[in-house]
């Protein structure tokens, strides 16, 4: 675990110096130390300070927080549903957020009283919450239980409904050039992240890690099935409600800020399990570290390899995640 944290910190320093304007690692550390009032930093130039602290640091911190959050969500959902293909967008949250974002981008609908730069994020979050409520309402039985199989089907149904609504708004109600703005949002980007967004995402991640750490024993019990979990004293219905709702809300918050980003929550838990095993006390923090590393380097590639234009982050994660997923599937096929 210590090695993983060190790798994240070292990667962050390298990423802070990487870009169209290269900043040496020593200068990066001096900028950060000066801003944290650890040193005087007389050798820091205004340009280096602006590039490292104001432009790159917020998006790098946000990228690490989003990657860690989505990876942990994937761990939880795969354990609760006992479905290897479960990922954070299982509940139609991404599709619901897309409806909200499209409503802001195409129709100009935003929440009253919030700054204009947060208009898309606010409506995306509302759309994600509406989708979540619909999924939970459809999946919940009369007894209040939330069966994983029905939850998956409800998520697929709501996701398809939201996708149809998004297509209708873009094609029928929107202008011809509106599809480009929608496409840019649906592929995800950290380009618009500011300091306040990064602080929000880090606070969200810390709260999630504390909560999931407390639930790690219950998640281990779910691995043996509901009957075994109940025999071990786990309140299956309550824990499932809390964890499913919490992961969906966390996903909705990340989607609202940076757009939907796939493959992280699906692939990272599988890779980490090969090293750590299924125990969630180690699996959850290890997945958070690997998810942060994956998203950090994906974002660095997205902003540096485009030849003057930024590559959507969803394109990079798909390019990385698809081969890894194919390898894992082939390995499972050989074992079977």
Protein backbone atom coordinates (compact mmCIF):
# COMPACT_ATOMS: atom_id res chain seq x y z
CA UNK A 1 0.00 0.00 0.00
CA UNK A 2 2.86 2.37 0.84
CA UNK A 3 4.42 1.69 -2.56
CA UNK A 4 1.11 2.53 -4.24
CA UNK A 5 0.78 5.86 -2.42
CA UNK A 6 4.37 6.72 -3.30
CA UNK A 7 3.64 5.88 -6.95
CA UNK A 8 0.61 8.19 -6.93
CA UNK A 9 2.62 11.08 -5.46
CA UNK A 10 5.52 10.59 -7.87
CA UNK A 11 3.12 10.35 -10.82
CA UNK A 12 1.40 13.55 -9.72
CA UNK A 13 4.72 15.43 -9.65
CA UNK A 14 5.62 14.16 -13.13
CA UNK A 15 2.15 14.99 -14.49
CA UNK A 16 2.31 18.51 -13.03
CA UNK A 17 5.43 19.14 -15.06
CA UNK A 18 4.18 17.49 -18.26
CA UNK A 19 2.47 19.51 -20.95
CA UNK A 20 3.09 21.97 -23.78
CA UNK A 21 5.24 23.91 -21.32
CA UNK A 22 7.57 21.54 -19.45
CA UNK A 23 8.28 22.31 -15.80
CA UNK A 24 11.12 20.37 -14.11
CA UNK A 25 10.19 18.21 -11.13
CA UNK A 26 12.27 20.33 -8.77
CA UNK A 27 10.45 23.46 -9.86
CA UNK A 28 7.11 21.71 -9.42
CA UNK A 29 7.98 20.75 -5.86
CA UNK A 30 9.14 24.30 -5.16
CA UNK A 31 5.86 25.75 -6.43
CA UNK A 32 3.81 23.39 -4.27
CA UNK A 33 6.00 23.96 -1.21
CA UNK A 34 5.74 27.72 -1.65
CA UNK A 35 1.97 27.60 -1.96
CA UNK A 36 1.80 25.47 1.21
CA UNK A 37 4.04 28.06 2.91
CA UNK A 38 6.76 25.51 3.62
CA UNK A 39 9.48 27.58 1.94
CA UNK A 40 9.91 31.09 0.66
CA UNK A 41 10.12 29.98 -2.97
CA UNK A 42 12.06 32.99 -4.23
CA UNK A 43 13.00 31.10 -7.39
CA UNK A 44 9.39 30.43 -8.46
CA UNK A 45 8.33 32.44 -11.50
CA UNK A 46 4.76 33.69 -11.93
CA UNK A 47 4.41 31.56 -15.07
CA UNK A 48 5.47 28.36 -13.31
CA UNK A 49 3.11 29.14 -10.43
CA UNK A 50 0.18 29.70 -12.77
CA UNK A 51 0.86 26.58 -14.86
CA UNK A 52 1.50 24.20 -11.96
CA UNK A 53 -0.82 25.46 -9.24
CA UNK A 54 -3.69 27.12 -11.04
CA UNK A 55 -3.99 25.22 -14.32
CA UNK A 56 -2.69 21.67 -13.82
CA UNK A 57 -3.05 20.91 -10.11
CA UNK A 58 -6.89 21.16 -9.91
CA UNK A 59 -7.46 18.79 -12.84
CA UNK A 60 -4.78 16.34 -11.66
CA UNK A 61 -6.26 16.21 -8.15
CA UNK A 62 -9.75 15.84 -9.64
CA UNK A 63 -8.58 13.07 -11.97
CA UNK A 64 -7.09 11.08 -9.10
CA UNK A 65 -10.21 11.56 -6.96
CA UNK A 66 -12.57 10.51 -9.77
CA UNK A 67 -10.47 7.47 -10.67
CA UNK A 68 -10.30 6.34 -7.04
CA UNK A 69 -14.03 6.89 -6.50
CA UNK A 70 -15.14 5.03 -9.64
CA UNK A 71 -12.80 2.11 -8.93
CA UNK A 72 -14.22 1.70 -5.43
CA UNK A 73 -17.78 1.92 -6.76
CA UNK A 74 -16.94 -0.89 -9.17
CA UNK A 75 -15.66 -3.05 -6.32
CA UNK A 76 -18.82 -2.52 -4.31
CA UNK A 77 -21.24 -3.17 -7.16
CA UNK A 78 -19.46 -6.30 -8.34
CA UNK A 79 -19.56 -7.66 -4.80
CA UNK A 80 -23.18 -6.75 -4.08
CA UNK A 81 -24.57 -8.03 -7.38
CA UNK A 82 -22.07 -10.90 -7.75
CA UNK A 83 -21.82 -9.80 -11.36
CA UNK A 84 -18.32 -9.41 -12.84
CA UNK A 85 -19.62 -6.94 -15.44
CA UNK A 86 -21.20 -4.55 -12.94
CA UNK A 87 -19.82 -1.02 -13.07
CA UNK A 88 -20.74 2.39 -11.58
CA UNK A 89 -23.14 3.20 -14.43
CA UNK A 90 -25.25 0.11 -13.77
CA UNK A 91 -28.21 2.14 -12.52
CA UNK A 92 -28.66 4.31 -15.58
CA UNK A 93 -27.01 7.13 -13.63
CA UNK A 94 -24.81 8.10 -16.57
CA UNK A 95 -27.76 8.15 -18.97
CA UNK A 96 -29.86 10.19 -16.54
CA UNK A 97 -27.05 12.69 -16.13
CA UNK A 98 -26.79 12.89 -19.93
CA UNK A 99 -30.44 13.92 -20.14
CA UNK A 100 -29.81 16.70 -17.62
CA UNK A 101 -26.66 17.87 -19.39
CA UNK A 102 -28.33 17.84 -22.80
CA UNK A 103 -31.24 19.83 -21.39
CA UNK A 104 -28.77 22.49 -20.27
CA UNK A 105 -26.63 22.45 -23.42
CA UNK A 106 -29.42 22.29 -26.01
CA UNK A 107 -32.51 23.73 -24.33
CA UNK A 108 -30.83 26.13 -21.92
CA UNK A 109 -32.50 24.63 -18.85
CA UNK A 110 -30.45 25.31 -15.72
CA UNK A 111 -31.17 25.38 -12.01
CA UNK A 112 -32.13 28.85 -10.74
CA UNK A 113 -29.73 30.61 -8.45
CA UNK A 114 -26.51 28.81 -9.44
CA UNK A 115 -23.61 30.30 -11.47
CA UNK A 116 -23.77 29.70 -15.20
CA UNK A 117 -20.54 27.66 -15.27
CA UNK A 118 -22.20 25.14 -12.97
CA UNK A 119 -25.39 24.98 -15.02
CA UNK A 120 -24.54 21.79 -16.90
CA UNK A 121 -23.17 20.09 -13.78
CA UNK A 122 -26.25 20.99 -11.74
CA UNK A 123 -28.78 19.73 -14.25
CA UNK A 124 -26.66 16.61 -14.88
CA UNK A 125 -26.72 15.83 -11.16
CA UNK A 126 -30.49 16.30 -11.02
CA UNK A 127 -30.92 14.02 -14.04
CA UNK A 128 -28.74 11.38 -12.40
CA UNK A 129 -30.76 11.55 -9.17
CA UNK A 130 -34.06 11.20 -11.06
CA UNK A 131 -32.71 8.14 -12.88
CA UNK A 132 -31.56 6.66 -9.57
CA UNK A 133 -34.97 7.18 -7.96
CA UNK A 134 -36.67 5.51 -10.93
CA UNK A 135 -34.35 2.50 -10.78
CA UNK A 136 -34.81 2.03 -7.04
CA UNK A 137 -38.57 2.45 -7.35
CA UNK A 138 -38.75 -0.18 -10.10
CA UNK A 139 -36.41 -2.63 -8.38
CA UNK A 140 -37.77 -2.47 -4.84
CA UNK A 141 -40.17 -5.24 -3.87
CA UNK A 142 -43.13 -4.97 -1.51
CA UNK A 143 -40.98 -6.21 1.35
CA UNK A 144 -38.49 -3.37 0.78
CA UNK A 145 -35.79 -5.70 -0.51
CA UNK A 146 -33.57 -4.74 -3.43
CA UNK A 147 -32.69 -7.91 -5.38
CA UNK A 148 -29.54 -7.46 -7.48
CA UNK A 149 -30.98 -9.11 -10.59
CA UNK A 150 -34.01 -6.86 -10.68
CA UNK A 151 -31.84 -3.82 -9.95
CA UNK A 152 -29.70 -4.57 -12.99
CA UNK A 153 -32.73 -4.95 -15.24
CA UNK A 154 -34.27 -1.73 -13.87
CA UNK A 155 -30.98 0.09 -14.52
CA UNK A 156 -30.87 -1.16 -18.10
CA UNK A 157 -34.50 -0.12 -18.68
CA UNK A 158 -34.05 3.37 -17.24
CA UNK A 159 -30.76 3.78 -19.09
CA UNK A 160 -32.42 2.97 -22.41
CA UNK A 161 -35.29 5.36 -21.65
CA UNK A 162 -32.84 8.16 -20.84
CA UNK A 163 -30.80 7.44 -23.97
CA UNK A 164 -33.96 7.73 -26.07
CA UNK A 165 -34.81 11.04 -24.37
CA UNK A 166 -31.30 12.34 -25.05
CA UNK A 167 -31.50 11.40 -28.73
CA UNK A 168 -34.93 13.05 -29.04
CA UNK A 169 -33.69 16.32 -27.53
CA UNK A 170 -30.56 16.42 -29.69
CA UNK A 171 -32.12 15.38 -33.00
CA UNK A 172 -35.63 16.85 -32.81
CA UNK A 173 -35.43 19.83 -30.48
CA UNK A 174 -31.82 20.95 -30.78
CA UNK A 175 -29.92 22.90 -33.42
CA UNK A 176 -27.77 21.07 -35.92
CA UNK A 177 -24.51 22.05 -34.21
CA UNK A 178 -25.79 20.98 -30.78
CA UNK A 179 -24.71 17.37 -31.26
CA UNK A 180 -21.03 18.38 -31.07
CA UNK A 181 -21.40 19.92 -27.62
CA UNK A 182 -23.30 16.86 -26.40
CA UNK A 183 -20.66 14.51 -27.80
CA UNK A 184 -17.88 16.45 -26.06
CA UNK A 185 -19.68 16.17 -22.72
CA UNK A 186 -20.56 12.48 -23.01
CA UNK A 187 -16.90 11.55 -23.64
CA UNK A 188 -15.79 13.25 -20.42
CA UNK A 189 -13.14 15.88 -19.78
CA UNK A 190 -11.20 17.43 -16.91
CA UNK A 191 -10.45 20.58 -18.90
CA UNK A 192 -13.04 22.70 -17.11
CA UNK A 193 -12.18 21.60 -13.57
CA UNK A 194 -11.36 24.37 -11.12
CA UNK A 195 -10.07 24.41 -7.56
CA UNK A 196 -13.53 24.26 -6.01
CA UNK A 197 -14.42 21.21 -8.11
CA UNK A 198 -11.24 19.42 -7.02
CA UNK A 199 -11.92 20.15 -3.34
CA UNK A 200 -15.48 18.84 -3.70
CA UNK A 201 -14.32 15.62 -5.35
CA UNK A 202 -11.60 15.02 -2.76
CA UNK A 203 -14.09 15.54 0.08
CA UNK A 204 -16.46 13.11 -1.63
CA UNK A 205 -13.68 10.54 -1.95
CA UNK A 206 -12.62 10.82 1.70
CA UNK A 207 -16.20 10.36 2.90
CA UNK A 208 -16.62 7.36 0.59
CA UNK A 209 -13.41 5.69 1.72
CA UNK A 210 -14.36 6.05 5.38
CA UNK A 211 -17.84 4.67 4.80
CA UNK A 212 -16.70 1.79 2.61
CA UNK A 213 -13.94 0.91 5.05
CA UNK A 214 -16.57 0.45 7.76
CA UNK A 215 -18.63 -1.74 5.41
CA UNK A 216 -15.70 -3.95 4.31
CA UNK A 217 -16.64 -6.92 6.57
CA UNK A 218 -20.21 -6.85 5.26
CA UNK A 219 -18.96 -6.83 1.67
CA UNK A 220 -16.78 -9.86 2.43
CA UNK A 221 -19.87 -11.64 3.73
CA UNK A 222 -21.79 -10.92 0.50
CA UNK A 223 -19.21 -12.97 -1.41
CA UNK A 224 -20.74 -16.14 0.05
CA UNK A 225 -24.33 -15.23 -0.88
CA UNK A 226 -27.21 -13.61 0.95
CA UNK A 227 -28.01 -16.62 3.13
CA UNK A 228 -24.45 -16.86 4.40
CA UNK A 229 -24.30 -13.09 4.93
CA UNK A 230 -27.43 -13.18 7.07
CA UNK A 231 -26.03 -16.09 9.08
CA UNK A 232 -23.00 -13.93 9.81
CA UNK A 233 -25.21 -11.20 11.25
CA UNK A 234 -25.31 -8.88 8.24
CA UNK A 235 -28.53 -6.93 7.69
CA UNK A 236 -28.54 -7.68 3.97
CA UNK A 237 -31.41 -5.39 2.93
CA UNK A 238 -30.20 -2.35 4.85
CA UNK A 239 -26.56 -2.70 3.84
CA UNK A 240 -27.50 -3.22 0.20
CA UNK A 241 -29.74 -0.14 0.21
CA UNK A 242 -27.05 2.01 1.78
CA UNK A 243 -24.25 0.85 -0.50
CA UNK A 244 -26.21 0.87 -3.75
CA UNK A 245 -27.61 4.33 -3.07
CA UNK A 246 -24.24 5.66 -1.92
CA UNK A 247 -22.33 4.39 -4.95
CA UNK A 248 -24.98 5.73 -7.30
CA UNK A 249 -24.86 9.18 -5.67
CA UNK A 250 -21.07 9.19 -5.80
CA UNK A 251 -21.16 8.26 -9.48
CA UNK A 252 -23.74 10.96 -10.14
CA UNK A 253 -21.52 13.57 -8.52
CA UNK A 254 -18.49 12.61 -10.61
CA UNK A 255 -20.54 12.51 -13.81
CA UNK A 256 -21.96 15.95 -13.05
CA UNK A 257 -18.47 17.47 -12.71
CA UNK A 258 -16.44 15.74 -15.46
CA UNK A 259 -18.96 13.78 -17.52
CA UNK A 260 -19.31 10.00 -17.81
CA UNK A 261 -16.02 8.07 -17.89
CA UNK A 262 -16.20 4.36 -18.54
CA UNK A 263 -14.04 1.27 -17.95
CA UNK A 264 -12.37 2.45 -14.72
CA UNK A 265 -14.94 0.94 -12.37
CA UNK A 266 -15.25 -2.15 -14.54
CA UNK A 267 -11.60 -3.05 -15.14
CA UNK A 268 -9.64 -1.83 -12.11
CA UNK A 269 -11.29 -4.10 -9.49
CA UNK A 270 -10.59 -7.20 -11.60
CA UNK A 271 -6.93 -6.30 -12.04
CA UNK A 272 -6.46 -5.51 -8.35
CA UNK A 273 -8.12 -8.76 -7.24
CA UNK A 274 -5.42 -10.69 -9.10
CA UNK A 275 -2.87 -9.19 -6.69
CA UNK A 276 -4.72 -8.60 -3.41
CA UNK A 277 -7.38 -11.30 -3.44
CA UNK A 278 -11.07 -10.70 -2.65
CA UNK A 279 -10.76 -9.27 0.89
CA UNK A 280 -12.26 -5.77 0.84
CA UNK A 281 -10.09 -4.29 3.60
CA UNK A 282 -7.21 -4.39 1.11
CA UNK A 283 -9.16 -4.51 -2.15
CA UNK A 284 -10.96 -1.18 -1.65
CA UNK A 285 -7.92 1.04 -0.88
CA UNK A 286 -5.78 -0.79 -3.44
CA UNK A 287 -8.47 -0.22 -6.09
CA UNK A 288 -8.61 3.45 -5.13
CA UNK A 289 -4.84 3.77 -5.66
CA UNK A 290 -4.90 1.95 -9.02
CA UNK A 291 -7.95 3.89 -10.16
CA UNK A 292 -6.23 7.17 -9.28
CA UNK A 293 -3.11 6.15 -11.20
CA UNK A 294 -5.10 5.04 -14.24
CA UNK A 295 -7.14 8.23 -14.41
CA UNK A 296 -4.12 10.46 -13.72
CA UNK A 297 -2.09 9.03 -16.60
CA UNK A 298 -5.15 8.84 -18.87
CA UNK A 299 -5.78 12.54 -18.32
CA UNK A 300 -2.10 13.34 -18.85
CA UNK A 301 -2.21 11.45 -22.16
CA UNK A 302 -5.47 13.18 -23.12
CA UNK A 303 -3.99 16.66 -22.73
CA UNK A 304 -0.55 15.98 -24.20
CA UNK A 305 -0.96 13.52 -27.10
CA UNK A 306 -3.55 15.39 -29.13
CA UNK A 307 -1.14 17.62 -31.02
CA UNK A 308 -2.67 20.88 -29.84
CA UNK A 309 -6.20 19.57 -29.21
CA UNK A 310 -7.30 17.63 -26.16
CA UNK A 311 -8.40 14.00 -26.55
CA UNK A 312 -11.63 13.15 -24.68
CA UNK A 313 -10.77 11.21 -21.54
CA UNK A 314 -13.35 8.53 -22.37
CA UNK A 315 -11.44 7.70 -25.54
CA UNK A 316 -8.22 7.15 -23.58
CA UNK A 317 -9.79 5.01 -20.83
CA UNK A 318 -11.55 2.90 -23.46
CA UNK A 319 -8.28 2.41 -25.35
CA UNK A 320 -6.59 1.27 -22.14
CA UNK A 321 -9.49 -0.63 -20.60
CA UNK A 322 -10.65 -2.66 -23.60
CA UNK A 323 -7.41 -4.66 -24.08
CA UNK A 324 -7.18 -5.31 -20.33
CA UNK A 325 -10.77 -6.55 -20.28
CA UNK A 326 -10.11 -8.83 -23.28
CA UNK A 327 -7.08 -10.34 -21.52
CA UNK A 328 -9.09 -10.95 -18.36
CA UNK A 329 -11.92 -12.58 -20.31
CA UNK A 330 -9.50 -14.85 -22.15
CA UNK A 331 -7.86 -15.85 -18.86
CA UNK A 332 -11.23 -16.72 -17.34
CA UNK A 333 -12.13 -18.71 -20.47
CA UNK A 334 -8.97 -20.80 -20.15
CA UNK A 335 -9.70 -21.52 -16.49
CA UNK A 336 -13.25 -22.60 -17.36
